[in-house]
Structure formats: structure tokens, C-alpha cells
Protein backbone atom coordinates (compact mmCIF):
# COMPACT_ATOMS: atom_id res chain seq x y z
CA MET A 1 120.05 8.97 4.06
CA LEU A 2 119.37 11.65 1.34
CA PHE A 3 120.56 15.31 1.46
CA LYS A 4 117.42 16.33 -0.17
CA GLN A 5 115.72 18.64 2.55
CA LEU A 6 117.87 20.63 4.80
CA LEU A 7 116.89 23.16 7.38
CA VAL A 8 119.23 26.13 8.00
CA PRO A 9 118.22 28.45 10.74
CA VAL A 10 119.90 32.00 10.44
CA ALA A 11 120.10 35.13 12.81
CA PRO A 12 119.04 38.38 11.94
CA GLU A 13 121.81 40.16 9.73
CA GLN A 14 123.73 36.64 9.82
CA LYS A 15 126.41 36.55 7.15
CA ILE A 16 126.88 33.39 5.08
CA THR A 17 130.09 32.20 6.35
CA SER A 18 132.84 29.88 4.30
CA SER A 19 131.81 26.77 6.50
CA LEU A 20 128.16 27.36 5.63
CA ASN A 21 128.92 27.96 2.15
CA ASN A 22 130.42 24.39 2.33
CA ILE A 23 127.08 22.98 2.84
CA LEU A 24 125.51 24.92 0.35
CA ASN A 25 127.77 23.65 -2.16
CA ILE A 26 126.85 20.10 -1.22
CA ALA A 27 123.29 20.86 -1.30
CA ASP A 28 123.59 22.48 -4.76
CA GLU A 29 125.25 19.35 -6.04
CA CYS A 30 122.37 17.18 -4.71
CA GLU A 31 119.74 19.53 -5.81
CA SER A 32 118.34 19.93 -2.38
CA LYS A 33 115.69 21.93 -1.02
CA ILE A 34 116.47 24.52 1.70
CA THR A 35 114.32 26.20 4.25
CA LEU A 36 116.08 29.30 5.76
CA LEU A 37 114.35 29.74 9.03
CA MET A 38 114.66 32.91 11.39
CA VAL A 39 113.02 32.56 14.92
CA ILE A 40 111.95 35.51 16.91
CA GLU A 41 112.37 34.81 20.65
CA ASP A 42 109.35 34.44 22.55
CA MET A 43 108.79 37.23 25.05
CA ASP A 44 106.31 36.28 27.71
CA GLU A 45 106.04 39.84 29.03
CA LEU A 46 104.92 41.00 25.52
CA LYS A 47 102.10 38.75 25.69
CA GLU A 48 100.72 40.18 28.88
CA ILE A 49 101.44 43.63 27.78
CA SER A 50 99.40 42.79 24.45
CA GLN A 51 96.45 42.42 26.91
CA TYR A 52 96.37 46.12 27.53
CA SER A 53 97.88 47.53 24.41
CA VAL A 54 97.60 46.33 20.58
CA LYS A 55 100.91 48.33 19.79
CA THR A 56 102.58 45.34 21.39
CA LEU A 57 101.04 43.04 18.45
CA ASP A 58 101.87 45.79 15.97
CA ILE A 59 105.68 45.38 17.19
CA LEU A 60 105.64 41.65 16.61
CA ASP A 61 104.09 42.10 13.07
CA LYS A 62 106.75 44.69 12.02
CA VAL A 63 109.62 42.53 13.32
CA THR A 64 107.94 39.51 11.56
CA LYS A 65 107.71 41.43 8.11
CA ILE A 66 111.41 42.40 8.58
CA TYR A 67 112.82 39.22 9.13
CA TYR A 68 110.66 37.83 6.22
CA SER A 69 112.19 40.87 4.16
CA GLN A 70 115.75 39.86 5.13
CA LEU A 71 115.37 36.17 4.30
CA ARG A 72 114.05 36.88 0.90
CA THR A 73 116.97 39.35 0.14
CA LEU A 74 119.31 36.49 1.41
CA VAL A 75 117.53 33.99 -0.92
CA SER A 76 117.94 36.43 -3.78
CA GLU A 77 121.65 36.59 -3.16
CA LEU A 78 122.19 32.88 -2.65
CA LYS A 79 120.12 31.83 -5.96
CA GLY A 80 122.71 33.50 -8.08
CA LYS A 81 125.51 31.27 -6.96
CA TYR A 82 123.31 27.96 -6.06
CA LYS A 83 121.21 27.74 -8.88
CA ASN A 84 120.41 23.99 -8.07
CA ILE A 85 118.76 24.68 -4.82
CA ASP A 86 115.13 25.44 -4.18
CA PHE A 87 115.08 27.86 -1.31
CA SER A 88 111.97 28.76 0.90
CA VAL A 89 111.61 30.80 3.83
CA GLN A 90 109.92 30.75 7.41
CA VAL A 91 109.81 33.12 10.26
CA ARG A 92 108.57 31.72 13.81
CA ILE A 93 107.95 33.21 17.26
CA GLY A 94 108.96 31.22 20.26
CA ILE A 95 111.88 29.31 22.03
CA PRO A 96 114.61 28.96 19.21
CA PHE A 97 115.55 25.21 19.61
CA ILE A 98 111.71 24.29 19.83
CA GLU A 99 110.87 26.23 16.87
CA ILE A 100 113.65 24.68 14.78
CA ILE A 101 112.76 20.99 15.89
CA GLN A 102 108.99 21.79 15.03
CA CYS A 103 109.81 23.24 11.76
CA ALA A 104 112.46 20.67 10.79
CA ARG A 105 109.43 18.09 11.37
CA SER A 106 106.88 20.02 9.58
CA GLU A 107 109.51 20.40 6.51
CA GLY A 108 110.36 16.61 6.45
CA SER A 109 114.07 17.77 6.90
CA ASP A 110 117.07 15.13 6.68
CA PHE A 111 119.19 17.55 8.70
CA ILE A 112 119.16 20.55 10.73
CA VAL A 113 122.25 22.68 9.69
CA ILE A 114 123.80 24.97 12.14
CA ASP A 115 126.47 27.53 11.68
CA SER A 116 128.13 27.21 14.91
CA HIS A 117 131.13 29.61 14.29
CA ARG A 118 130.88 33.00 16.04
CA LYS A 119 133.48 35.65 16.57
CA SER A 120 131.86 36.45 19.77
CA LYS A 121 132.66 33.06 21.22
CA SER A 122 135.36 32.71 23.63
CA HIS A 123 137.14 30.28 21.08
CA ALA A 124 136.39 29.33 17.56
CA CYS A 125 134.81 25.76 18.05
CA GLN A 126 132.68 26.64 20.97
CA ARG A 127 128.94 25.79 20.12
CA GLY A 128 126.31 27.48 21.67
CA SER A 129 123.47 26.63 23.90
CA THR A 130 120.79 26.24 21.12
CA THR A 131 123.11 23.97 19.26
CA LEU A 132 123.68 21.91 22.27
CA HIS A 133 119.53 21.94 22.77
CA LEU A 134 119.30 20.62 19.57
CA MET A 135 121.90 17.89 19.68
CA ARG A 136 120.34 16.61 23.05
CA LYS A 137 116.57 16.83 21.91
CA SER A 138 116.33 16.55 18.32
CA GLU A 139 115.56 13.17 16.47
CA ILE A 140 116.49 14.75 13.34
CA PRO A 141 120.20 14.65 12.56
CA ILE A 142 122.17 18.16 13.55
CA TRP A 143 124.93 19.22 11.12
CA SER A 144 127.17 21.73 13.19
CA THR A 145 129.60 23.60 11.30
CA THR A 146 132.42 25.18 12.88
CA ARG A 147 135.04 26.32 10.15
CA GLU A 148 135.75 25.90 6.46
CA LEU A 149 136.17 22.33 5.16
CA HIS A 150 139.70 20.97 4.49
CA SER A 151 140.70 20.12 1.04
CA SER A 152 141.44 16.61 2.15
CA LYS A 153 137.65 15.28 1.40
CA LYS A 154 137.77 12.86 4.36
CA VAL A 155 134.33 11.69 6.17
CA LEU A 156 135.00 10.16 9.63
CA ALA A 157 132.08 7.76 11.18
CA ALA A 158 132.84 7.28 14.72
CA ILE A 159 131.64 3.86 15.52
CA ASP A 160 130.76 2.42 18.98
CA LEU A 161 130.87 -1.47 19.17
CA ASP A 162 129.73 -1.62 22.71
CA GLU A 163 126.49 -3.80 23.57
CA GLN A 164 124.61 -0.73 24.91
CA VAL A 165 124.68 1.02 21.48
CA SER A 166 122.12 -0.10 19.13
CA ALA A 167 123.29 -1.81 15.72
CA ASP A 168 120.63 0.33 14.00
CA LEU A 169 122.69 3.53 15.24
CA CYS A 170 125.77 2.17 14.04
CA LYS A 171 124.29 1.58 10.63
CA ARG A 172 122.67 4.96 10.61
CA ILE A 173 125.95 6.77 11.28
CA LEU A 174 127.65 4.71 8.48
CA ASN A 175 124.90 4.96 5.98
CA SER A 176 124.66 8.86 6.28
CA ALA A 177 128.51 9.32 6.27
CA TYR A 178 128.61 6.99 3.22
CA ASP A 179 125.96 8.80 1.34
CA LEU A 180 127.93 12.20 2.07
CA CYS A 181 131.02 10.40 0.56
CA LYS A 182 129.16 9.38 -2.52
CA ALA A 183 127.78 12.76 -3.19
CA THR A 184 131.13 14.56 -2.78
CA ASN A 185 133.50 12.01 -3.94
CA SER A 186 134.85 11.78 -0.40
CA GLU A 187 137.00 9.14 1.36
CA LEU A 188 135.29 7.41 4.31
CA VAL A 189 137.33 6.80 7.55
CA LEU A 190 135.45 4.02 9.81
CA CYS A 191 137.04 4.72 13.28
CA HIS A 192 136.64 2.86 16.28
CA ILE A 193 138.56 3.88 19.45
CA TRP A 194 138.71 1.33 22.37
CA GLU A 195 140.37 0.71 25.73
CA LEU A 196 140.20 -2.28 28.14
CA GLU A 197 138.86 -0.24 31.07
CA SER A 198 138.82 -3.06 33.40
CA GLU A 199 142.51 -3.47 32.96
CA GLY A 200 143.36 -2.21 36.51
CA PHE A 201 140.56 -4.39 38.06
CA LEU A 202 142.14 -7.61 36.14
CA ARG A 203 145.47 -6.77 37.41
CA LYS A 204 144.60 -6.20 40.89
CA TRP A 205 141.90 -9.05 41.54
CA SER A 206 142.40 -11.57 38.85
CA GLY A 207 146.23 -11.86 38.84
CA TYR A 208 146.63 -10.99 35.10
CA ASN A 209 150.18 -9.97 34.33
CA ASP A 210 151.45 -8.01 31.35
CA THR A 211 151.48 -11.02 29.04
CA ASP A 212 147.99 -11.98 29.97
CA ILE A 213 146.70 -8.32 29.32
CA ALA A 214 148.54 -8.02 25.90
CA ILE A 215 146.80 -11.48 24.99
CA LEU A 216 143.55 -10.19 26.00
CA LYS A 217 143.75 -6.92 24.24
CA GLU A 218 144.95 -8.51 21.08
CA LYS A 219 142.01 -10.92 21.04
CA MET A 220 139.56 -7.98 21.46
CA LYS A 221 141.11 -6.00 18.95
CA ILE A 222 140.74 -9.07 16.29
CA GLU A 223 137.11 -9.26 17.36
CA ARG A 224 136.43 -5.43 16.79
CA ALA A 225 138.17 -5.53 13.30
CA ARG A 226 135.56 -8.48 12.32
CA LYS A 227 132.84 -6.33 13.49
CA MET A 228 134.17 -3.26 11.57
CA ARG A 229 134.66 -5.48 8.47
CA ALA A 230 130.98 -6.65 8.71
CA LEU A 231 129.44 -3.20 9.06
CA ILE A 232 131.38 -2.32 5.71
CA ASP A 233 129.88 -5.64 4.18
CA ASN A 234 126.58 -4.46 5.15
CA LEU A 235 126.57 -1.11 3.38
CA VAL A 236 123.43 -0.46 1.44
CA ASP A 237 125.52 0.25 -1.55
CA ASN A 238 128.59 -2.02 -1.51
CA ASN A 239 129.64 -1.19 -5.16
CA ASN A 240 133.01 0.12 -4.42
CA ALA A 241 131.70 3.73 -5.01
CA VAL A 242 133.53 4.90 -1.96
CA ASN A 243 137.10 4.46 -0.65
CA VAL A 244 136.57 2.92 2.80
CA HIS A 245 139.32 2.27 5.34
CA ILE A 246 139.13 1.16 9.01
CA GLU A 247 140.98 2.86 12.09
CA LEU A 248 141.31 0.78 14.98
CA ILE A 249 142.77 2.98 17.76
CA GLN A 250 143.43 1.79 21.31
CA GLY A 251 143.12 4.30 24.25
CA HIS A 252 140.77 6.99 25.66
CA ALA A 253 138.44 8.56 22.97
CA LYS A 254 138.18 11.69 24.70
CA GLU A 255 141.79 12.60 24.03
CA LEU A 256 142.55 10.41 20.84
CA LEU A 257 139.51 11.26 18.69
CA PRO A 258 139.97 14.92 18.53
CA THR A 259 143.72 14.40 17.85
CA PHE A 260 143.03 12.10 15.20
CA ILE A 261 140.34 14.40 13.43
CA GLU A 262 143.08 17.17 13.47
CA GLN A 263 146.04 15.18 12.61
CA ASN A 264 144.17 13.63 9.52
CA SER A 265 142.10 16.76 8.63
CA ILE A 266 138.84 15.52 8.50
CA ASP A 267 136.25 17.56 6.90
CA VAL A 268 132.94 15.95 8.61
CA THR A 269 132.68 13.62 11.77
CA PHE A 270 129.42 11.66 12.00
CA LEU A 271 128.61 10.57 15.77
CA GLY A 272 125.83 8.69 17.61
CA SER A 273 124.26 10.38 20.36
CA MET A 274 122.41 7.92 22.59
CA SER A 275 120.53 10.37 24.76
CA ARG A 276 119.82 13.90 25.65
CA THR A 277 123.32 13.96 27.56
CA GLY A 278 125.98 12.93 25.50
CA ILE A 279 127.60 10.82 22.98
CA ALA A 280 127.19 7.40 22.73
CA GLY A 281 130.14 5.11 24.09
CA TYR A 282 132.51 8.30 24.43
CA LEU A 283 131.40 10.67 26.92
CA MET A 284 128.26 11.26 28.87
CA GLY A 285 126.69 14.46 30.59
CA ASN A 286 128.73 17.49 31.10
CA LYS A 287 131.88 15.62 29.46
CA ALA A 288 130.21 15.33 26.26
CA GLU A 289 129.32 18.97 25.92
CA TYR A 290 133.01 19.94 27.00
CA TRP A 291 134.16 17.64 24.12
CA LEU A 292 132.02 18.91 21.66
CA ASN A 293 133.17 22.41 22.26
CA GLU A 294 136.50 21.28 22.29
CA LEU A 295 136.35 19.71 18.92
CA ASP A 296 136.94 22.41 16.13
CA ALA A 297 135.41 20.40 13.25
CA THR A 298 132.19 20.10 11.43
CA VAL A 299 130.30 17.26 13.44
CA VAL A 300 126.99 15.63 12.67
CA THR A 301 125.19 14.08 15.29
CA LEU A 302 122.39 11.17 14.85
CA LYS A 303 120.08 9.70 17.27
CA PRO A 304 118.72 5.92 17.10
CA SER A 305 115.54 5.44 15.55
CA GLU A 306 113.86 4.38 18.82
CA PHE A 307 114.67 8.09 20.22
CA ILE A 308 111.64 9.82 21.20
CA SER A 309 112.29 13.40 21.55
CA PRO A 310 110.98 15.41 24.63
CA ILE A 311 109.66 18.22 22.29
CA VAL A 312 106.24 17.74 21.84
CA SER A 313 104.67 18.20 18.25
CA THR A 314 102.15 20.95 17.56
CA THR A 315 100.17 21.97 14.55
CA ARG A 316 100.43 25.41 12.86
């Protein structure tokens, strides 16, 4: 996956944080095109009032012009530092996450980049409602930053080998992470966390003892290692351009993956999102949102190619 076209939504008077500067540095290296987007939140009441007063329309027109002016000023500042980026600006009126998805489609964006770090949040890694909506409902990958990158230059691709997860999604995760590593001269960590979820059942109903369980786990580990090596062998550019190594971890992913990311100073983590409600193979529903909020790291979420967004396309 290329990093040639990025959509970066920004809030009015938003400052460019160090975490967002990291993304801009990558975009500058890749000579990317970036669209800066501001969304004026749709106010249904103003539509009703506009039937009786043209002043309401004047207000929206003034706000739109102010937003365009802010974006152009921001672009002028950024061009001085990021000379290889081709910037453009857009202002839209509507529900933020819907307008962001619509704009990303119209621009042909490779990623939607969200600066999730806000001082107003209860803790630094907390992601807002717009980010979570995008992660659930956008077919376009979401790049959510929360802090400045480490100097380790490590990128993690979290791979789920369960049958319910499509091979296509695993390849998208791996190829996207690999492309980023090539662009930034980073190391790729291919991580798979697994556990024998039926261990209690096997012990209770099938008479498995400690030795039986240990033998079974070892066989499962060997098979998972084989599948992970096969993924590396099938990389789109298997020319040793990137240092790749495999991490097989046995245990509960909810607890172990955030710990591994923190202890190994991972810069960017690529995850597969199977549905609007969670992260494939790790957590579903409300647990997924809790996990994402607890993970103080930059996260990229990708959907399988067959995913159909509930957000209907519109023409402008």
C-alpha cells in the first residue's frame, strides 16, 4: 500500500503536535499529497432557522471562509518545513466522521490520519468518538496517532491466524506495515498472540493432563510458526529490503499485546478490524474500544477488502 495520498482532518485552531509531525516527516520522504480537512459540524436547527432568516446562511458562509483562511495559513507554515508535500485544503459541513469518510473517498486517500492526542482527555491515549466511528465504519485505513514516535524505528504487524480472519486481511496488514518500513528504514515485527482457549474444556471433559496439554500447545505453536514464515515468504517485495522477525506469544492478547508494544518501544502498530465493533481475533464490541483507548501508541487499523462501509457515498 502506498503512502501517496493522505487525508488529515484538523480542528479549528488545532496545533500541529509532535506526533502529527512524525507523520508529516514520513509523508515528506514519500513526496505525498495531503488534504487538510476542517468539518463544520452540521446544525439541523440552523437549517430550520434559515427558512425564516437569510442571516443564518451568512453565518455559515462566514465560518466557512474563516476555516479556509485558517487552513491556508496552516499550509503556508507547513510548506516551509515539508517542501516535498503537495498540500490542498477542504472545508465541509456535516457530521464529522461521515464527512471525513466521504472526503477520503473523493480524494482517493490511502490513509485517514487522525491526531488523537488531546490534553483535554482523561488520559493521554484516549481516542475520541470520531476516531472510533472512523475505525468502525471506514473502509479506508485509519492512522491514529497518540504520541511522539520512539527512536527505535520498529513497526509491528499484529497477525491473527484464526480461520475467521481472511488471508486477504493478513496480507493487507503485512504489506502495509512492510511498505512503511521500507519508506522509513524501520524494522518489522510480525506478532501473533494465541492461547488454547479450550484448555479447561479439554481437561474437564476429555481427560487431558498437563503432558497432553503441553504436547498439544507445542504442535499448535509449530503450526503457527509455519504459517507466519509463509506470510513472510509471500511478501510483495521479498528482497531483504526490510529486517523482519517473528514474535509468537502465548497468552491473552488483551493483556499481552499492549505490554509487548510498550516494552519494545513500538512506533506504529498495524491491526486488522473485522467489523464495525472490534479488532479481529483480539477483542470484540466494547472490549475493543476499551483496548484501543488503553493502548498508548500509534495505531493503524485496516479492514478486509470485502468490507462494505455503512456510510453511503454522495456526490458534491
